[in-house]
Amino acid sequence: MQLKVEHIKQETPDTRTFYLSNVSGNKVNYKAGQFITLVVNHHGEEIRRSYSLSSSPDEELLSITIKRIPNGEITRYLHTYSKPGDVWNAVEPAGRFVLPDNLQGKTLFYFAAGSGISPVYAHIKYVLNHQPSSRIIVVYSNLTQQSVIFKNELNELSERYPSQLTVVNLISDEGKRLNNLVVEKLVKQYLPQGFTEIDYYLCGPFAYMRMVRLTLLYMGVDAEKIHKENYVLETVPVSTSGITFAPQKLRINFQGKLHDLQQGENQTVLQAALQNNLHLPYSCGAGVCAACAVKCTRGKVTVVKNEVLTDAELSQGWILTCTGYAVTDDVELDFGS
């Protein structure tokens, strides 16, 4: 799809929100917390970068909030050269950092750091607009007061919905930092009872999310109740640990059509599809974002790296094409219609 930049808002000195409309005029369907993948032609090379949607599906325009990374080639380019009227190529929204189907009476606990607030902000707006019986607690970590994204908006929402929304700001240069002891203290402070029964959402740097997740697991929270989202996706080579994967036949149901392909030796499902001009959805190429997730309805696929699918989803047949290798010759994958 093609998205037009309608306007740009400076959030902090290094962060901007880009408001986008669909060039076709059709409504873009997505869930709060999902991301879009921009397809950028940079110096003759196609580069894909995923950015969480900070907008809620209730809003007219899509929005993505992008922090400029000092060594980030694409974020620097977007910050420096993008302007209203530009048209971007993008892949349809994807991602599994989404809300439960039934929000009534739910308590949701968030840990966000830096620009990891983007999908959390989308969740907050959607929940407050749709479910007055839900409660939201957000622990938001930043280096300085000046780096707090959506500071005014979050304050206004907290004042408007005091019984529903609680935002706890932790500012590093004020001596307030998150560690395992602080995680445990805050959870028990705001949820003195029943903290193992609710859903937790984590978004921030890898080490940050790992620390929070391990702390929650230690406290007795079930792994299925901990949801995490990587907002910086590093494209890295996929390691197969020296395993050789033999050629296999594939059948893929994509956009209502069946495609029979041959997967070459040590070739992922995604690589086989792209080689055969079948442009399946993908983004990170590293088993991190789930943009390429699909259900395997027959045969067996080995996924060598997975940072996003849960054990329950794997048991239901979900796989990642970017790090998945067919290991039987009867594999069938179904993207639906």
C-alpha atoms as a PDB file:
ATOM      1  CA  MET A   1       0.000   0.000   0.000  1.00  0.00           C
ATOM      2  CA  GLN A   2       0.995   3.641  -0.383  1.00  0.00           C
ATOM      3  CA  LEU A   3       0.772   6.137   2.459  1.00  0.00           C
ATOM      4  CA  LYS A   4       0.861   9.904   2.158  1.00  0.00           C
ATOM      5  CA  VAL A   5       2.528  12.031   4.834  1.00  0.00           C
ATOM      6  CA  GLU A   6      -0.161  14.511   5.914  1.00  0.00           C
ATOM      7  CA  HIS A   7       1.788  16.304   8.642  1.00  0.00           C
ATOM      8  CA  ILE A   8       4.687  15.845  11.027  1.00  0.00           C
ATOM      9  CA  LYS A   9       4.778  16.651  14.747  1.00  0.00           C
ATOM     10  CA  GLN A  10       7.952  17.137  16.757  1.00  0.00           C
ATOM     11  CA  GLU A  11       7.427  15.219  20.013  1.00  0.00           C
ATOM     12  CA  THR A  12      10.875  15.555  21.628  1.00  0.00           C
ATOM     13  CA  PRO A  13      14.204  16.845  20.284  1.00  0.00           C
ATOM     14  CA  ASP A  14      14.895  13.468  18.625  1.00  0.00           C
ATOM     15  CA  THR A  15      11.393  12.042  18.086  1.00  0.00           C
ATOM     16  CA  ARG A  16       8.722  12.874  15.528  1.00  0.00           C
ATOM     17  CA  THR A  17       5.229  11.567  14.809  1.00  0.00           C
ATOM     18  CA  PHE A  18       4.319  11.142  11.140  1.00  0.00           C
ATOM     19  CA  TYR A  19       0.597  11.279  10.363  1.00  0.00           C
ATOM     20  CA  LEU A  20      -0.348   9.230   7.306  1.00  0.00           C
ATOM     21  CA  SER A  21      -3.323   8.652   5.026  1.00  0.00           C
ATOM     22  CA  ASN A  22      -3.935   5.810   2.602  1.00  0.00           C
ATOM     23  CA  VAL A  23      -3.442   7.066  -0.962  1.00  0.00           C
ATOM     24  CA  SER A  24      -6.167   4.718  -2.226  1.00  0.00           C
ATOM     25  CA  GLY A  25      -8.688   6.300   0.132  1.00  0.00           C
ATOM     26  CA  ASN A  26      -9.555   2.933   1.672  1.00  0.00           C
ATOM     27  CA  LYS A  27      -9.543   2.504   5.428  1.00  0.00           C
ATOM     28  CA  VAL A  28      -6.482   0.643   6.699  1.00  0.00           C
ATOM     29  CA  ASN A  29      -7.624  -2.104   9.053  1.00  0.00           C
ATOM     30  CA  TYR A  30      -5.402  -2.845  12.008  1.00  0.00           C
ATOM     31  CA  LYS A  31      -5.429  -3.534  15.733  1.00  0.00           C
ATOM     32  CA  ALA A  32      -4.065  -1.230  18.411  1.00  0.00           C
ATOM     33  CA  GLY A  33      -0.428  -2.126  19.033  1.00  0.00           C
ATOM     34  CA  GLN A  34       0.415  -3.396  15.555  1.00  0.00           C
ATOM     35  CA  PHE A  35       3.157  -1.978  13.326  1.00  0.00           C
ATOM     36  CA  ILE A  36       3.639  -1.104   9.669  1.00  0.00           C
ATOM     37  CA  THR A  37       6.723  -1.870   7.621  1.00  0.00           C
ATOM     38  CA  LEU A  38       8.089   0.853   5.355  1.00  0.00           C
ATOM     39  CA  VAL A  39       9.753  -0.307   2.145  1.00  0.00           C
ATOM     40  CA  VAL A  40      12.455   2.240   1.382  1.00  0.00           C
ATOM     41  CA  ASN A  41      14.619   2.432  -1.736  1.00  0.00           C
ATOM     42  CA  HIS A  42      17.850   3.750  -0.269  1.00  0.00           C
ATOM     43  CA  HIS A  43      20.847   4.164  -2.578  1.00  0.00           C
ATOM     44  CA  GLY A  44      19.346   1.588  -4.957  1.00  0.00           C
ATOM     45  CA  GLU A  45      18.774  -0.991  -2.226  1.00  0.00           C
ATOM     46  CA  GLU A  46      15.379  -2.074  -0.860  1.00  0.00           C
ATOM     47  CA  ILE A  47      15.376  -1.701   2.917  1.00  0.00           C
ATOM     48  CA  ARG A  48      12.505  -2.593   5.235  1.00  0.00           C
ATOM     49  CA  ARG A  49      11.970  -1.020   8.618  1.00  0.00           C
ATOM     50  CA  SER A  50       9.064  -1.610  10.995  1.00  0.00           C
ATOM     51  CA  TYR A  51       7.545   1.088  13.188  1.00  0.00           C
ATOM     52  CA  SER A  52       4.785   0.679  15.756  1.00  0.00           C
ATOM     53  CA  LEU A  53       1.553   2.531  15.102  1.00  0.00           C
ATOM     54  CA  SER A  54       0.982   5.105  17.813  1.00  0.00           C
ATOM     55  CA  SER A  55      -2.529   5.709  16.487  1.00  0.00           C
ATOM     56  CA  SER A  56      -5.621   3.826  17.556  1.00  0.00           C
ATOM     57  CA  PRO A  57      -7.916   2.215  14.942  1.00  0.00           C
ATOM     58  CA  ASP A  58     -10.543   4.781  16.007  1.00  0.00           C
ATOM     59  CA  GLU A  59      -8.475   7.651  14.575  1.00  0.00           C
ATOM     60  CA  GLU A  60      -8.813   8.949  11.031  1.00  0.00           C
ATOM     61  CA  LEU A  61      -5.094   9.045  10.256  1.00  0.00           C
ATOM     62  CA  LEU A  62      -2.438   6.452  10.892  1.00  0.00           C
ATOM     63  CA  SER A  63       0.537   7.649  12.882  1.00  0.00           C
ATOM     64  CA  ILE A  64       3.989   6.271  13.568  1.00  0.00           C
ATOM     65  CA  THR A  65       6.312   7.823  16.114  1.00  0.00           C
ATOM     66  CA  ILE A  66       9.979   7.503  15.183  1.00  0.00           C
ATOM     67  CA  LYS A  67      12.978   8.253  17.334  1.00  0.00           C
ATOM     68  CA  ARG A  68      16.064   9.344  15.435  1.00  0.00           C
ATOM     69  CA  ILE A  69      18.844   6.833  16.083  1.00  0.00           C
ATOM     70  CA  PRO A  70      22.346   8.372  15.798  1.00  0.00           C
ATOM     71  CA  ASN A  71      23.644   5.499  13.635  1.00  0.00           C
ATOM     72  CA  GLY A  72      20.280   4.630  12.130  1.00  0.00           C
ATOM     73  CA  GLU A  73      20.475   5.200   8.406  1.00  0.00           C
ATOM     74  CA  ILE A  74      16.707   5.112   7.794  1.00  0.00           C
ATOM     75  CA  THR A  75      15.566   7.053  10.873  1.00  0.00           C
ATOM     76  CA  ARG A  76      18.077   9.805  10.059  1.00  0.00           C
ATOM     77  CA  TYR A  77      16.833   9.882   6.467  1.00  0.00           C
ATOM     78  CA  LEU A  78      13.161  10.068   7.497  1.00  0.00           C
ATOM     79  CA  HIS A  79      13.824  12.823  10.032  1.00  0.00           C
ATOM     80  CA  THR A  80      15.969  14.878   7.666  1.00  0.00           C
ATOM     81  CA  TYR A  81      14.172  14.612   4.353  1.00  0.00           C
ATOM     82  CA  SER A  82      10.517  13.644   4.950  1.00  0.00           C
ATOM     83  CA  LYS A  83       7.901  16.332   4.408  1.00  0.00           C
ATOM     84  CA  PRO A  84       4.108  16.583   4.045  1.00  0.00           C
ATOM     85  CA  GLY A  85       2.994  15.307   0.658  1.00  0.00           C
ATOM     86  CA  ASP A  86       5.595  12.542   0.458  1.00  0.00           C
ATOM     87  CA  VAL A  87       4.266   9.113  -0.500  1.00  0.00           C
ATOM     88  CA  TRP A  88       5.729   6.041   1.169  1.00  0.00           C
ATOM     89  CA  ASN A  89       5.478   2.396   0.216  1.00  0.00           C
ATOM     90  CA  ALA A  90       4.438   0.176   3.096  1.00  0.00           C
ATOM     91  CA  VAL A  91       3.345  -3.340   3.965  1.00  0.00           C
ATOM     92  CA  GLU A  92      -0.054  -3.874   5.577  1.00  0.00           C
ATOM     93  CA  PRO A  93      -0.109  -3.636   9.400  1.00  0.00           C
ATOM     94  CA  ALA A  94       1.020  -6.737  11.287  1.00  0.00           C
ATOM     95  CA  GLY A  95       2.176  -7.784  14.733  1.00  0.00           C
ATOM     96  CA  ARG A  96       0.925  -9.622  17.808  1.00  0.00           C
ATOM     97  CA  PHE A  97       1.370  -6.948  20.454  1.00  0.00           C
ATOM     98  CA  VAL A  98      -2.404  -6.572  20.622  1.00  0.00           C
ATOM     99  CA  LEU A  99      -5.092  -6.381  23.271  1.00  0.00           C
ATOM    100  CA  PRO A 100      -7.162  -9.312  24.562  1.00  0.00           C
ATOM    101  CA  ASP A 101     -10.418  -9.905  22.697  1.00  0.00           C
ATOM    102  CA  ASN A 102     -12.443  -9.351  25.863  1.00  0.00           C
ATOM    103  CA  LEU A 103     -11.414  -6.161  27.687  1.00  0.00           C
ATOM    104  CA  GLN A 104     -14.341  -5.924  30.074  1.00  0.00           C
ATOM    105  CA  GLY A 105     -13.106  -5.554  33.626  1.00  0.00           C
ATOM    106  CA  LYS A 106      -9.498  -6.279  32.623  1.00  0.00           C
ATOM    107  CA  THR A 107      -6.439  -4.862  34.368  1.00  0.00           C
ATOM    108  CA  LEU A 108      -3.497  -4.321  32.026  1.00  0.00           C
ATOM    109  CA  PHE A 109       0.014  -3.592  33.312  1.00  0.00           C
ATOM    110  CA  TYR A 110       2.583  -2.008  30.977  1.00  0.00           C
ATOM    111  CA  PHE A 111       6.352  -1.537  31.172  1.00  0.00           C
ATOM    112  CA  ALA A 112       7.640   0.808  28.454  1.00  0.00           C
ATOM    113  CA  ALA A 113      10.977   2.513  27.848  1.00  0.00           C
ATOM    114  CA  GLY A 114      11.708   5.409  25.491  1.00  0.00           C
ATOM    115  CA  SER A 115       9.935   5.147  22.157  1.00  0.00           C
ATOM    116  CA  GLY A 116       8.549   1.814  23.317  1.00  0.00           C
ATOM    117  CA  ILE A 117       5.603   3.907  24.493  1.00  0.00           C
ATOM    118  CA  SER A 118       4.281   4.104  20.898  1.00  0.00           C
ATOM    119  CA  PRO A 119       2.205   0.888  20.746  1.00  0.00           C
ATOM    120  CA  VAL A 120       1.336   1.295  24.434  1.00  0.00           C
ATOM    121  CA  TYR A 121      -0.122   4.738  23.685  1.00  0.00           C
ATOM    122  CA  ALA A 122      -2.267   3.149  20.967  1.00  0.00           C
ATOM    123  CA  HIS A 123      -3.509   0.567  23.496  1.00  0.00           C
ATOM    124  CA  ILE A 124      -4.290   3.242  26.072  1.00  0.00           C
ATOM    125  CA  LYS A 125      -6.380   5.332  23.668  1.00  0.00           C
ATOM    126  CA  TYR A 126      -8.292   2.314  22.402  1.00  0.00           C
ATOM    127  CA  VAL A 127      -9.085   0.898  25.856  1.00  0.00           C
ATOM    128  CA  LEU A 128     -10.186   4.243  27.294  1.00  0.00           C
ATOM    129  CA  ASN A 129     -12.440   4.797  24.300  1.00  0.00           C
ATOM    130  CA  HIS A 130     -14.035   1.345  24.356  1.00  0.00           C
ATOM    131  CA  GLN A 131     -14.025  -0.144  27.840  1.00  0.00           C
ATOM    132  CA  PRO A 132     -14.772   2.057  30.881  1.00  0.00           C
ATOM    133  CA  SER A 133     -14.466  -0.927  33.239  1.00  0.00           C
ATOM    134  CA  SER A 134     -10.828  -1.649  32.368  1.00  0.00           C
ATOM    135  CA  ARG A 135      -7.838  -0.444  34.385  1.00  0.00           C
ATOM    136  CA  ILE A 136      -4.438   0.480  32.930  1.00  0.00           C
ATOM    137  CA  ILE A 137      -1.151   0.865  34.808  1.00  0.00           C
ATOM    138  CA  VAL A 138       1.876   2.136  32.880  1.00  0.00           C
ATOM    139  CA  VAL A 139       5.458   2.227  34.171  1.00  0.00           C
ATOM    140  CA  TYR A 140       7.321   4.451  31.711  1.00  0.00           C
ATOM    141  CA  SER A 141      11.127   4.794  31.842  1.00  0.00           C
ATOM    142  CA  ASN A 142      13.129   7.623  30.238  1.00  0.00           C
ATOM    143  CA  LEU A 143      16.564   9.165  30.590  1.00  0.00           C
ATOM    144  CA  THR A 144      15.357  12.749  31.118  1.00  0.00           C
ATOM    145  CA  GLN A 145      12.117  14.706  31.435  1.00  0.00           C
ATOM    146  CA  GLN A 146      12.809  16.165  27.977  1.00  0.00           C
ATOM    147  CA  SER A 147      12.835  12.682  26.419  1.00  0.00           C
ATOM    148  CA  VAL A 148       9.334  11.707  27.635  1.00  0.00           C
ATOM    149  CA  ILE A 149       7.238  11.104  24.506  1.00  0.00           C
ATOM    150  CA  PHE A 150       3.499  11.983  24.694  1.00  0.00           C
ATOM    151  CA  LYS A 151       4.131  13.608  28.088  1.00  0.00           C
ATOM    152  CA  ASN A 152       1.287  16.126  27.865  1.00  0.00           C
ATOM    153  CA  GLU A 153      -1.111  13.674  26.268  1.00  0.00           C
ATOM    154  CA  LEU A 154      -0.527  11.037  28.949  1.00  0.00           C
ATOM    155  CA  ASN A 155      -0.949  13.632  31.702  1.00  0.00           C
ATOM    156  CA  GLU A 156      -4.229  14.814  30.183  1.00  0.00           C
ATOM    157  CA  LEU A 157      -5.553  11.259  29.862  1.00  0.00           C
ATOM    158  CA  SER A 158      -4.537  10.474  33.451  1.00  0.00           C
ATOM    159  CA  GLU A 159      -6.460  13.535  34.668  1.00  0.00           C
ATOM    160  CA  ARG A 160      -9.499  12.734  32.514  1.00  0.00           C
ATOM    161  CA  TYR A 161      -9.619   9.049  33.503  1.00  0.00           C
ATOM    162  CA  PRO A 162      -8.155   8.985  37.055  1.00  0.00           C
ATOM    163  CA  SER A 163      -9.894   5.744  38.034  1.00  0.00           C
ATOM    164  CA  GLN A 164      -8.742   3.926  34.899  1.00  0.00           C
ATOM    165  CA  LEU A 165      -5.269   5.169  33.991  1.00  0.00           C
ATOM    166  CA  THR A 166      -2.192   5.355  36.210  1.00  0.00           C
ATOM    167  CA  VAL A 167       1.152   6.449  34.708  1.00  0.00           C
ATOM    168  CA  VAL A 168       4.332   6.038  36.737  1.00  0.00           C
ATOM    169  CA  ASN A 169       7.269   7.962  35.234  1.00  0.00           C
ATOM    170  CA  LEU A 170      10.777   6.785  36.065  1.00  0.00           C
ATOM    171  CA  ILE A 171      13.465   9.312  35.057  1.00  0.00           C
ATOM    172  CA  SER A 172      17.052   8.061  35.151  1.00  0.00           C
ATOM    173  CA  ASP A 173      18.742  11.427  35.717  1.00  0.00           C
ATOM    174  CA  GLU A 174      16.480  11.922  38.730  1.00  0.00           C
ATOM    175  CA  GLY A 175      17.729   8.679  40.225  1.00  0.00           C
ATOM    176  CA  LYS A 176      14.611   6.677  39.342  1.00  0.00           C
ATOM    177  CA  ARG A 177      15.575   3.561  37.392  1.00  0.00           C
ATOM    178  CA  LEU A 178      13.857   0.269  36.789  1.00  0.00           C
ATOM    179  CA  ASN A 179      15.447  -2.906  38.096  1.00  0.00           C
ATOM    180  CA  ASN A 180      14.107  -6.244  39.282  1.00  0.00           C
ATOM    181  CA  LEU A 181      13.471  -4.983  42.816  1.00  0.00           C
ATOM    182  CA  VAL A 182      11.588  -1.923  41.532  1.00  0.00           C
ATOM    183  CA  VAL A 183       9.520  -4.085  39.165  1.00  0.00           C
ATOM    184  CA  GLU A 184       8.420  -6.312  42.037  1.00  0.00           C
ATOM    185  CA  LYS A 185       7.737  -3.350  44.319  1.00  0.00           C
ATOM    186  CA  LEU A 186       5.594  -1.489  41.748  1.00  0.00           C
ATOM    187  CA  VAL A 187       3.578  -4.547  40.771  1.00  0.00           C
ATOM    188  CA  LYS A 188       2.748  -5.329  44.393  1.00  0.00           C
ATOM    189  CA  GLN A 189       2.084  -1.665  45.173  1.00  0.00           C
ATOM    190  CA  TYR A 190      -0.513  -1.216  42.451  1.00  0.00           C
ATOM    191  CA  LEU A 191      -1.804  -4.786  42.538  1.00  0.00           C
ATOM    192  CA  PRO A 192      -1.582  -6.020  46.115  1.00  0.00           C
ATOM    193  CA  GLN A 193      -3.716  -9.007  45.152  1.00  0.00           C
ATOM    194  CA  GLY A 194      -4.140 -11.014  41.961  1.00  0.00           C
ATOM    195  CA  PHE A 195      -1.029  -9.745  40.174  1.00  0.00           C
ATOM    196  CA  THR A 196      -0.347 -13.197  38.705  1.00  0.00           C
ATOM    197  CA  GLU A 197      -3.726 -13.229  36.956  1.00  0.00           C
ATOM    198  CA  ILE A 198      -3.433 -10.171  34.716  1.00  0.00           C
ATOM    199  CA  ASP A 199      -1.761  -9.451  31.363  1.00  0.00           C
ATOM    200  CA  TYR A 200       1.585  -7.650  31.217  1.00  0.00           C
ATOM    201  CA  TYR A 201       2.883  -5.812  28.141  1.00  0.00           C
ATOM    202  CA  LEU A 202       6.564  -4.940  27.674  1.00  0.00           C
ATOM    203  CA  CYS A 203       8.056  -2.671  25.035  1.00  0.00           C
ATOM    204  CA  GLY A 204      11.607  -1.351  25.014  1.00  0.00           C
ATOM    205  CA  PRO A 205      15.213  -2.451  24.473  1.00  0.00           C
ATOM    206  CA  PHE A 206      15.912  -6.174  24.589  1.00  0.00           C
ATOM    207  CA  ALA A 207      17.815  -6.126  27.908  1.00  0.00           C
ATOM    208  CA  TYR A 208      15.053  -4.045  29.516  1.00  0.00           C
ATOM    209  CA  MET A 209      12.308  -6.464  28.460  1.00  0.00           C
ATOM    210  CA  ARG A 210      14.368  -9.492  29.450  1.00  0.00           C
ATOM    211  CA  MET A 211      14.875  -8.107  32.960  1.00  0.00           C
ATOM    212  CA  VAL A 212      11.182  -7.326  33.418  1.00  0.00           C
ATOM    213  CA  ARG A 213      10.067 -10.664  31.994  1.00  0.00           C
ATOM    214  CA  LEU A 214      12.420 -12.700  34.182  1.00  0.00           C
ATOM    215  CA  THR A 215      11.289 -10.761  37.250  1.00  0.00           C
ATOM    216  CA  LEU A 216       7.621 -11.387  36.474  1.00  0.00           C
ATOM    217  CA  LEU A 217       8.292 -15.084  35.905  1.00  0.00           C
ATOM    218  CA  TYR A 218      10.133 -15.248  39.237  1.00  0.00           C
ATOM    219  CA  MET A 219       7.085 -13.640  40.883  1.00  0.00           C
ATOM    220  CA  GLY A 220       4.888 -16.441  39.562  1.00  0.00           C
ATOM    221  CA  VAL A 221       3.332 -14.794  36.498  1.00  0.00           C
ATOM    222  CA  ASP A 222       2.593 -17.325  33.759  1.00  0.00           C
ATOM    223  CA  ALA A 223       4.686 -16.854  30.600  1.00  0.00           C
ATOM    224  CA  GLU A 224       1.521 -16.737  28.467  1.00  0.00           C
ATOM    225  CA  LYS A 225       0.453 -13.562  30.273  1.00  0.00           C
ATOM    226  CA  ILE A 226       3.639 -11.670  29.393  1.00  0.00           C
ATOM    227  CA  HIS A 227       3.563  -9.995  25.974  1.00  0.00           C
ATOM    228  CA  LYS A 228       6.580  -8.211  24.529  1.00  0.00           C
ATOM    229  CA  GLU A 229       7.260  -6.097  21.477  1.00  0.00           C
ATOM    230  CA  ASN A 230      10.585  -5.144  19.957  1.00  0.00           C
ATOM    231  CA  TYR A 231      10.400  -1.622  18.555  1.00  0.00           C
ATOM    232  CA  VAL A 232      13.932  -1.731  17.121  1.00  0.00           C
ATOM    233  CA  LEU A 233      14.392  -4.672  14.787  1.00  0.00           C
ATOM    234  CA  GLU A 234      17.923  -5.664  13.914  1.00  0.00           C
ATOM    235  CA  THR A 235      18.289  -7.573  10.685  1.00  0.00           C
ATOM    236  CA  VAL A 236      20.850 -10.262  11.419  1.00  0.00           C
ATOM    237  CA  PRO A 237      21.924 -13.458   9.686  1.00  0.00           C
ATOM    238  CA  VAL A 238      19.926 -16.495  10.717  1.00  0.00           C
ATOM    239  CA  SER A 239      22.052 -19.137  12.395  1.00  0.00           C
ATOM    240  CA  THR A 240      21.136 -22.743  11.765  1.00  0.00           C
ATOM    241  CA  SER A 241      23.671 -24.126  14.255  1.00  0.00           C
ATOM    242  CA  GLY A 242      25.427 -26.072  11.523  1.00  0.00           C
ATOM    243  CA  ILE A 243      22.322 -28.049  10.564  1.00  0.00           C
ATOM    244  CA  THR A 244      21.817 -28.829   6.879  1.00  0.00           C
ATOM    245  CA  PHE A 245      18.233 -28.606   5.649  1.00  0.00           C
ATOM    246  CA  ALA A 246      17.454 -30.691   2.573  1.00  0.00           C
ATOM    247  CA  PRO A 247      15.369 -29.441  -0.378  1.00  0.00           C
ATOM    248  CA  GLN A 248      11.614 -29.845   0.127  1.00  0.00           C
ATOM    249  CA  LYS A 249       8.371 -29.157  -1.695  1.00  0.00           C
ATOM    250  CA  LEU A 250       6.013 -26.458  -0.401  1.00  0.00           C
ATOM    251  CA  ARG A 251       2.409 -25.519  -1.015  1.00  0.00           C
ATOM    252  CA  ILE A 252       1.424 -22.016   0.080  1.00  0.00           C
ATOM    253  CA  ASN A 253      -2.085 -20.577   0.120  1.00  0.00           C
ATOM    254  CA  PHE A 254      -1.594 -16.833  -0.261  1.00  0.00           C
ATOM    255  CA  GLN A 255      -4.208 -14.239  -1.251  1.00  0.00           C
ATOM    256  CA  GLY A 256      -6.639 -16.949  -2.282  1.00  0.00           C
ATOM    257  CA  LYS A 257      -4.235 -18.767  -4.620  1.00  0.00           C
ATOM    258  CA  LEU A 258      -2.231 -21.967  -4.191  1.00  0.00           C
ATOM    259  CA  HIS A 259       1.477 -21.810  -5.018  1.00  0.00           C
ATOM    260  CA  ASP A 260       3.629 -24.937  -5.338  1.00  0.00           C
ATOM    261  CA  LEU A 261       7.313 -24.194  -4.731  1.00  0.00           C
ATOM    262  CA  GLN A 262      10.629 -25.950  -4.303  1.00  0.00           C
ATOM    263  CA  GLN A 263      12.632 -24.985  -1.230  1.00  0.00           C
ATOM    264  CA  GLY A 264      16.345 -25.292  -1.946  1.00  0.00           C
ATOM    265  CA  GLU A 265      18.993 -26.700   0.365  1.00  0.00           C
ATOM    266  CA  ASN A 266      19.433 -24.528   3.479  1.00  0.00           C
ATOM    267  CA  GLN A 267      16.835 -22.127   2.142  1.00  0.00           C
ATOM    268  CA  THR A 268      14.148 -20.674   4.414  1.00  0.00           C
ATOM    269  CA  VAL A 269      10.509 -20.737   3.400  1.00  0.00           C
ATOM    270  CA  LEU A 270      10.633 -16.977   2.856  1.00  0.00           C
ATOM    271  CA  GLN A 271      13.757 -17.165   0.714  1.00  0.00           C
ATOM    272  CA  ALA A 272      12.155 -19.872  -1.433  1.00  0.00           C
ATOM    273  CA  ALA A 273       9.017 -17.787  -1.894  1.00  0.00           C
ATOM    274  CA  LEU A 274      10.873 -14.603  -2.834  1.00  0.00           C
ATOM    275  CA  GLN A 275      13.083 -16.528  -5.253  1.00  0.00           C
ATOM    276  CA  ASN A 276       9.893 -17.664  -6.979  1.00  0.00           C
ATOM    277  CA  ASN A 277       8.486 -14.102  -7.121  1.00  0.00           C
ATOM    278  CA  LEU A 278       5.953 -14.864  -4.412  1.00  0.00           C
ATOM    279  CA  HIS A 279       6.091 -11.735  -2.272  1.00  0.00           C
ATOM    280  CA  LEU A 280       5.015 -12.929   1.132  1.00  0.00           C
ATOM    281  CA  PRO A 281       4.829 -10.396   3.977  1.00  0.00           C
ATOM    282  CA  TYR A 282       7.953  -9.978   6.082  1.00  0.00           C
ATOM    283  CA  SER A 283       9.935  -7.316   7.889  1.00  0.00           C
ATOM    284  CA  CYS A 284      12.870  -8.102  10.178  1.00  0.00           C
ATOM    285  CA  GLY A 285      13.984 -11.382   8.579  1.00  0.00           C
ATOM    286  CA  ALA A 286      15.314 -12.443  11.983  1.00  0.00           C
ATOM    287  CA  GLY A 287      12.484 -14.141  13.859  1.00  0.00           C
ATOM    288  CA  VAL A 288      11.681 -11.080  15.927  1.00  0.00           C
ATOM    289  CA  CYS A 289       8.603  -9.250  14.638  1.00  0.00           C
ATOM    290  CA  ALA A 290       6.042 -11.899  13.482  1.00  0.00           C
ATOM    291  CA  ALA A 291       5.186 -10.011  10.278  1.00  0.00           C
ATOM    292  CA  CYS A 292       5.779 -13.291   8.411  1.00  0.00           C
ATOM    293  CA  ALA A 293       3.856 -15.578  10.787  1.00  0.00           C
ATOM    294  CA  VAL A 294       1.663 -18.170   9.082  1.00  0.00           C
ATOM    295  CA  LYS A 295      -0.117 -21.359  10.063  1.00  0.00           C
ATOM    296  CA  CYS A 296       1.343 -24.674   8.944  1.00  0.00           C
ATOM    297  CA  THR A 297      -1.646 -26.918   8.239  1.00  0.00           C
ATOM    298  CA  ARG A 298       0.312 -29.942   7.085  1.00  0.00           C
ATOM    299  CA  GLY A 299       3.846 -31.287   7.339  1.00  0.00           C
ATOM    300  CA  LYS A 300       6.600 -29.961   9.575  1.00  0.00           C
ATOM    301  CA  VAL A 301       8.592 -26.726   9.598  1.00  0.00           C
ATOM    302  CA  THR A 302      11.574 -26.170  11.898  1.00  0.00           C
ATOM    303  CA  VAL A 303      11.907 -22.578  13.164  1.00  0.00           C
ATOM    304  CA  VAL A 304      15.537 -21.931  14.129  1.00  0.00           C
ATOM    305  CA  LYS A 305      14.994 -18.532  15.755  1.00  0.00           C
ATOM    306  CA  ASN A 306      11.829 -17.301  17.422  1.00  0.00           C
ATOM    307  CA  GLU A 307      11.502 -14.262  19.682  1.00  0.00           C
ATOM    308  CA  VAL A 308       7.781 -13.676  19.241  1.00  0.00           C
ATOM    309  CA  LEU A 309       5.557 -16.772  18.956  1.00  0.00           C
ATOM    310  CA  THR A 310       4.380 -18.290  22.211  1.00  0.00           C
ATOM    311  CA  ASP A 311       4.497 -22.004  23.026  1.00  0.00           C
ATOM    312  CA  ALA A 312       0.721 -22.121  22.611  1.00  0.00           C
ATOM    313  CA  GLU A 313       0.929 -20.589  19.126  1.00  0.00           C
ATOM    314  CA  LEU A 314       3.702 -22.985  18.114  1.00  0.00           C
ATOM    315  CA  SER A 315       1.591 -25.927  19.272  1.00  0.00           C
ATOM    316  CA  GLN A 316      -1.261 -24.629  17.103  1.00  0.00           C
ATOM    317  CA  GLY A 317       0.978 -24.775  14.031  1.00  0.00           C
ATOM    318  CA  TRP A 318       2.118 -21.167  13.724  1.00  0.00           C
ATOM    319  CA  ILE A 319       5.593 -20.720  12.215  1.00  0.00           C
ATOM    320  CA  LEU A 320       7.836 -17.903  10.972  1.00  0.00           C
ATOM    321  CA  THR A 321       8.742 -18.089   7.293  1.00  0.00           C
ATOM    322  CA  CYS A 322      11.873 -15.932   7.715  1.00  0.00           C
ATOM    323  CA  THR A 323      13.541 -18.439  10.062  1.00  0.00           C
ATOM    324  CA  GLY A 324      11.529 -21.525   9.157  1.00  0.00           C
ATOM    325  CA  TYR A 325      12.754 -24.498   7.129  1.00  0.00           C
ATOM    326  CA  ALA A 326      10.422 -27.163   5.733  1.00  0.00           C
ATOM    327  CA  VAL A 327      11.705 -30.557   6.885  1.00  0.00           C
ATOM    328  CA  THR A 328       9.071 -32.757   5.198  1.00  0.00           C
ATOM    329  CA  ASP A 329       7.954 -32.712   1.565  1.00  0.00           C
ATOM    330  CA  ASP A 330       4.253 -32.290   2.344  1.00  0.00           C
ATOM    331  CA  VAL A 331       4.350 -28.851   3.982  1.00  0.00           C
ATOM    332  CA  GLU A 332       1.277 -26.668   3.446  1.00  0.00           C
ATOM    333  CA  LEU A 333       1.076 -23.099   4.712  1.00  0.00           C
ATOM    334  CA  ASP A 334      -2.149 -21.093   4.836  1.00  0.00           C
ATOM    335  CA  PHE A 335      -2.163 -17.287   4.899  1.00  0.00           C
ATOM    336  CA  GLY A 336      -5.916 -17.333   4.375  1.00  0.00           C
ATOM    337  CA  SER A 337      -7.737 -15.289   1.760  1.00  0.00           C
END
